[in-house]
Amino acid sequence: MSQEEKPLSPLEAKISQAYRVNEAVEDEQREIEVRLNKIEGLKPLLPNRKYGQKWEDLEFGISAQSLIERGDAPLAGYLKLTSGYWRRIEEAETARQAQIESMQKATEELQIKNAKQREIREFRQRNNLNIGTGYRNI
């Protein structure tokens, strides 16, 4: 004799649905927690999270926000913690490196130009020519 399943009452269906939703949220939050724990020095700065509570709903301290943004920028964006500070620092460093490379190139070009001018002066001096004009000295 098989026992027939009774249909769930509306309350039982709501409870069951809420449980599935909470479990899905908790699974997602645990994945986020794994990523957060990979960021060096962050773990002691993390706020306490209750079961089913979302990380993006918590208050992070400035130090924690900075570490998250620097260590995992996509996660910081997902948690709405992006201030743009580290991005600006990175852009400034990139611009600085470009300026250094530009100055090195200009320096090399000037060294080549100066070497050519020195050769011309030395040639003129050896051949009794005016160093500035290149005409024969009288």
C-alpha atoms as a PDB file:
ATOM      1  CA  MET A   1       0.000   0.000   0.000  1.00  0.00           C
ATOM      2  CA  SER A   2       1.663   3.216  -1.152  1.00  0.00           C
ATOM      3  CA  GLN A   3       1.221   6.374   0.723  1.00  0.00           C
ATOM      4  CA  GLU A   4       0.000   9.288  -1.343  1.00  0.00           C
ATOM      5  CA  GLU A   5       1.819  12.615  -1.010  1.00  0.00           C
ATOM      6  CA  LYS A   6      -0.277  15.356   0.388  1.00  0.00           C
ATOM      7  CA  PRO A   7      -0.104  18.694  -1.401  1.00  0.00           C
ATOM      8  CA  LEU A   8       1.756  21.370   0.521  1.00  0.00           C
ATOM      9  CA  SER A   9      -0.266  24.045   2.211  1.00  0.00           C
ATOM     10  CA  PRO A  10       0.337  27.627   1.014  1.00  0.00           C
ATOM     11  CA  LEU A  11       2.368  28.321   4.174  1.00  0.00           C
ATOM     12  CA  GLU A  12       4.501  25.205   3.704  1.00  0.00           C
ATOM     13  CA  ALA A  13       5.142  26.208   0.081  1.00  0.00           C
ATOM     14  CA  LYS A  14       6.221  29.707   1.166  1.00  0.00           C
ATOM     15  CA  ILE A  15       8.540  28.292   3.831  1.00  0.00           C
ATOM     16  CA  SER A  16      10.057  25.852   1.394  1.00  0.00           C
ATOM     17  CA  GLN A  17      10.556  28.590  -1.219  1.00  0.00           C
ATOM     18  CA  ALA A  18      12.124  30.958   1.348  1.00  0.00           C
ATOM     19  CA  TYR A  19      14.505  28.205   2.454  1.00  0.00           C
ATOM     20  CA  ARG A  20      15.652  27.559  -1.147  1.00  0.00           C
ATOM     21  CA  VAL A  21      16.168  31.307  -1.726  1.00  0.00           C
ATOM     22  CA  ASN A  22      18.171  31.658   1.518  1.00  0.00           C
ATOM     23  CA  GLU A  23      20.317  28.650   0.629  1.00  0.00           C
ATOM     24  CA  ALA A  24      21.055  30.114  -2.829  1.00  0.00           C
ATOM     25  CA  VAL A  25      21.987  33.462  -1.259  1.00  0.00           C
ATOM     26  CA  GLU A  26      24.204  31.758   1.319  1.00  0.00           C
ATOM     27  CA  ASP A  27      25.977  29.693  -1.348  1.00  0.00           C
ATOM     28  CA  GLU A  28      26.747  32.867  -3.315  1.00  0.00           C
ATOM     29  CA  GLN A  29      27.943  34.684  -0.197  1.00  0.00           C
ATOM     30  CA  ARG A  30      30.276  31.801   0.695  1.00  0.00           C
ATOM     31  CA  GLU A  31      31.839  32.060  -2.774  1.00  0.00           C
ATOM     32  CA  ILE A  32      32.369  35.776  -2.199  1.00  0.00           C
ATOM     33  CA  GLU A  33      33.871  35.008   1.206  1.00  0.00           C
ATOM     34  CA  VAL A  34      36.376  32.623  -0.400  1.00  0.00           C
ATOM     35  CA  ARG A  35      37.480  35.430  -2.752  1.00  0.00           C
ATOM     36  CA  LEU A  36      37.687  37.894   0.123  1.00  0.00           C
ATOM     37  CA  ASN A  37      39.843  35.508   2.146  1.00  0.00           C
ATOM     38  CA  LYS A  38      42.330  35.290  -0.733  1.00  0.00           C
ATOM     39  CA  ILE A  39      43.145  39.007  -0.313  1.00  0.00           C
ATOM     40  CA  GLU A  40      46.219  39.292   1.874  1.00  0.00           C
ATOM     41  CA  GLY A  41      45.685  41.039   5.219  1.00  0.00           C
ATOM     42  CA  LEU A  42      41.916  41.435   4.791  1.00  0.00           C
ATOM     43  CA  LYS A  43      40.510  38.657   6.962  1.00  0.00           C
ATOM     44  CA  PRO A  44      40.825  40.448  10.345  1.00  0.00           C
ATOM     45  CA  LEU A  45      39.229  43.578   8.846  1.00  0.00           C
ATOM     46  CA  LEU A  46      36.096  41.877   7.521  1.00  0.00           C
ATOM     47  CA  PRO A  47      32.786  42.680   9.233  1.00  0.00           C
ATOM     48  CA  ASN A  48      30.820  39.816  10.807  1.00  0.00           C
ATOM     49  CA  ARG A  49      28.215  38.386   8.471  1.00  0.00           C
ATOM     50  CA  LYS A  50      25.150  36.477   9.632  1.00  0.00           C
ATOM     51  CA  TYR A  51      23.757  33.472   7.793  1.00  0.00           C
ATOM     52  CA  GLY A  52      21.879  34.601   4.678  1.00  0.00           C
ATOM     53  CA  GLN A  53      23.178  38.171   4.931  1.00  0.00           C
ATOM     54  CA  LYS A  54      24.747  39.613   1.794  1.00  0.00           C
ATOM     55  CA  TRP A  55      28.282  41.001   1.829  1.00  0.00           C
ATOM     56  CA  GLU A  56      27.184  44.066  -0.138  1.00  0.00           C
ATOM     57  CA  ASP A  57      24.786  44.979   2.697  1.00  0.00           C
ATOM     58  CA  LEU A  58      27.598  45.146   5.278  1.00  0.00           C
ATOM     59  CA  GLU A  59      29.649  48.173   6.326  1.00  0.00           C
ATOM     60  CA  PHE A  60      33.306  47.751   5.418  1.00  0.00           C
ATOM     61  CA  GLY A  61      35.965  49.929   7.026  1.00  0.00           C
ATOM     62  CA  ILE A  62      38.129  52.160   4.881  1.00  0.00           C
ATOM     63  CA  SER A  63      41.122  49.824   5.213  1.00  0.00           C
ATOM     64  CA  ALA A  64      39.060  46.814   4.182  1.00  0.00           C
ATOM     65  CA  GLN A  65      37.578  48.711   1.231  1.00  0.00           C
ATOM     66  CA  SER A  66      41.035  49.750   0.084  1.00  0.00           C
ATOM     67  CA  LEU A  67      42.439  46.224   0.343  1.00  0.00           C
ATOM     68  CA  ILE A  68      39.472  44.753  -1.541  1.00  0.00           C
ATOM     69  CA  GLU A  69      39.689  47.386  -4.267  1.00  0.00           C
ATOM     70  CA  ARG A  70      43.415  46.884  -4.675  1.00  0.00           C
ATOM     71  CA  GLY A  71      43.369  43.088  -4.380  1.00  0.00           C
ATOM     72  CA  ASP A  72      40.258  42.231  -6.405  1.00  0.00           C
ATOM     73  CA  ALA A  73      38.855  45.189  -8.359  1.00  0.00           C
ATOM     74  CA  PRO A  74      35.980  43.226  -9.989  1.00  0.00           C
ATOM     75  CA  LEU A  75      34.827  42.018  -6.563  1.00  0.00           C
ATOM     76  CA  ALA A  76      35.068  45.571  -5.186  1.00  0.00           C
ATOM     77  CA  GLY A  77      32.820  46.715  -8.016  1.00  0.00           C
ATOM     78  CA  TYR A  78      30.354  43.917  -7.318  1.00  0.00           C
ATOM     79  CA  LEU A  79      30.253  44.872  -3.628  1.00  0.00           C
ATOM     80  CA  LYS A  80      29.925  48.571  -4.603  1.00  0.00           C
ATOM     81  CA  LEU A  81      33.163  49.479  -2.804  1.00  0.00           C
ATOM     82  CA  THR A  82      34.973  51.073  -5.741  1.00  0.00           C
ATOM     83  CA  SER A  83      36.328  54.546  -5.046  1.00  0.00           C
ATOM     84  CA  GLY A  84      38.575  54.685  -8.087  1.00  0.00           C
ATOM     85  CA  TYR A  85      41.601  55.502  -5.913  1.00  0.00           C
ATOM     86  CA  TRP A  86      43.771  52.561  -7.023  1.00  0.00           C
ATOM     87  CA  ARG A  87      42.717  53.052 -10.626  1.00  0.00           C
ATOM     88  CA  ARG A  88      43.871  56.676 -10.476  1.00  0.00           C
ATOM     89  CA  ILE A  89      47.159  55.584  -8.878  1.00  0.00           C
ATOM     90  CA  GLU A  90      47.659  53.017 -11.653  1.00  0.00           C
ATOM     91  CA  GLU A  91      46.845  55.569 -14.374  1.00  0.00           C
ATOM     92  CA  ALA A  92      49.251  58.078 -12.809  1.00  0.00           C
ATOM     93  CA  GLU A  93      52.000  55.446 -12.713  1.00  0.00           C
ATOM     94  CA  THR A  94      51.339  54.513 -16.351  1.00  0.00           C
ATOM     95  CA  ALA A  95      51.520  58.191 -17.355  1.00  0.00           C
ATOM     96  CA  ARG A  96      54.733  58.575 -15.350  1.00  0.00           C
ATOM     97  CA  GLN A  97      56.312  55.578 -17.106  1.00  0.00           C
ATOM     98  CA  ALA A  98      55.280  56.966 -20.509  1.00  0.00           C
ATOM     99  CA  GLN A  99      56.874  60.306 -19.610  1.00  0.00           C
ATOM    100  CA  ILE A 100      60.087  58.579 -18.496  1.00  0.00           C
ATOM    101  CA  GLU A 101      60.258  56.637 -21.762  1.00  0.00           C
ATOM    102  CA  SER A 102      59.634  59.827 -23.738  1.00  0.00           C
ATOM    103  CA  MET A 103      62.407  61.643 -21.886  1.00  0.00           C
ATOM    104  CA  GLN A 104      64.815  58.725 -22.413  1.00  0.00           C
ATOM    105  CA  LYS A 105      64.080  58.755 -26.143  1.00  0.00           C
ATOM    106  CA  ALA A 106      64.598  62.528 -26.333  1.00  0.00           C
ATOM    107  CA  THR A 107      67.868  62.186 -24.392  1.00  0.00           C
ATOM    108  CA  GLU A 108      69.126  59.500 -26.780  1.00  0.00           C
ATOM    109  CA  GLU A 109      68.233  61.674 -29.785  1.00  0.00           C
ATOM    110  CA  LEU A 110      70.097  64.634 -28.263  1.00  0.00           C
ATOM    111  CA  GLN A 111      73.129  62.450 -27.559  1.00  0.00           C
ATOM    112  CA  ILE A 112      73.217  61.360 -31.209  1.00  0.00           C
ATOM    113  CA  LYS A 113      72.808  64.966 -32.397  1.00  0.00           C
ATOM    114  CA  ASN A 114      75.563  66.185 -30.052  1.00  0.00           C
ATOM    115  CA  ALA A 115      77.916  63.409 -31.175  1.00  0.00           C
ATOM    116  CA  LYS A 116      77.422  64.421 -34.830  1.00  0.00           C
ATOM    117  CA  GLN A 117      78.045  68.090 -34.018  1.00  0.00           C
ATOM    118  CA  ARG A 118      81.181  67.150 -32.066  1.00  0.00           C
ATOM    119  CA  GLU A 119      82.492  65.187 -35.060  1.00  0.00           C
ATOM    120  CA  ILE A 120      81.884  68.199 -37.310  1.00  0.00           C
ATOM    121  CA  ARG A 121      83.719  70.536 -34.879  1.00  0.00           C
ATOM    122  CA  GLU A 122      86.650  68.138 -34.558  1.00  0.00           C
ATOM    123  CA  PHE A 123      86.876  67.780 -38.346  1.00  0.00           C
ATOM    124  CA  ARG A 124      86.862  71.552 -38.793  1.00  0.00           C
ATOM    125  CA  GLN A 125      89.495  71.997 -36.098  1.00  0.00           C
ATOM    126  CA  ARG A 126      91.800  69.343 -37.634  1.00  0.00           C
ATOM    127  CA  ASN A 127      91.477  70.921 -41.073  1.00  0.00           C
ATOM    128  CA  ASN A 128      92.096  74.522 -39.943  1.00  0.00           C
ATOM    129  CA  LEU A 129      88.491  75.584 -40.588  1.00  0.00           C
ATOM    130  CA  ASN A 130      86.441  77.995 -38.526  1.00  0.00           C
ATOM    131  CA  ILE A 131      84.671  75.785 -35.996  1.00  0.00           C
ATOM    132  CA  GLY A 132      81.412  77.792 -36.125  1.00  0.00           C
ATOM    133  CA  THR A 133      81.119  78.549 -39.852  1.00  0.00           C
ATOM    134  CA  GLY A 134      83.233  75.890 -41.509  1.00  0.00           C
ATOM    135  CA  TYR A 135      85.077  78.475 -43.676  1.00  0.00           C
ATOM    136  CA  ARG A 136      88.857  78.368 -44.039  1.00  0.00           C
ATOM    137  CA  ASN A 137      90.744  80.383 -41.448  1.00  0.00           C
ATOM    138  CA  ILE A 138      92.960  83.092 -42.875  1.00  0.00           C
END
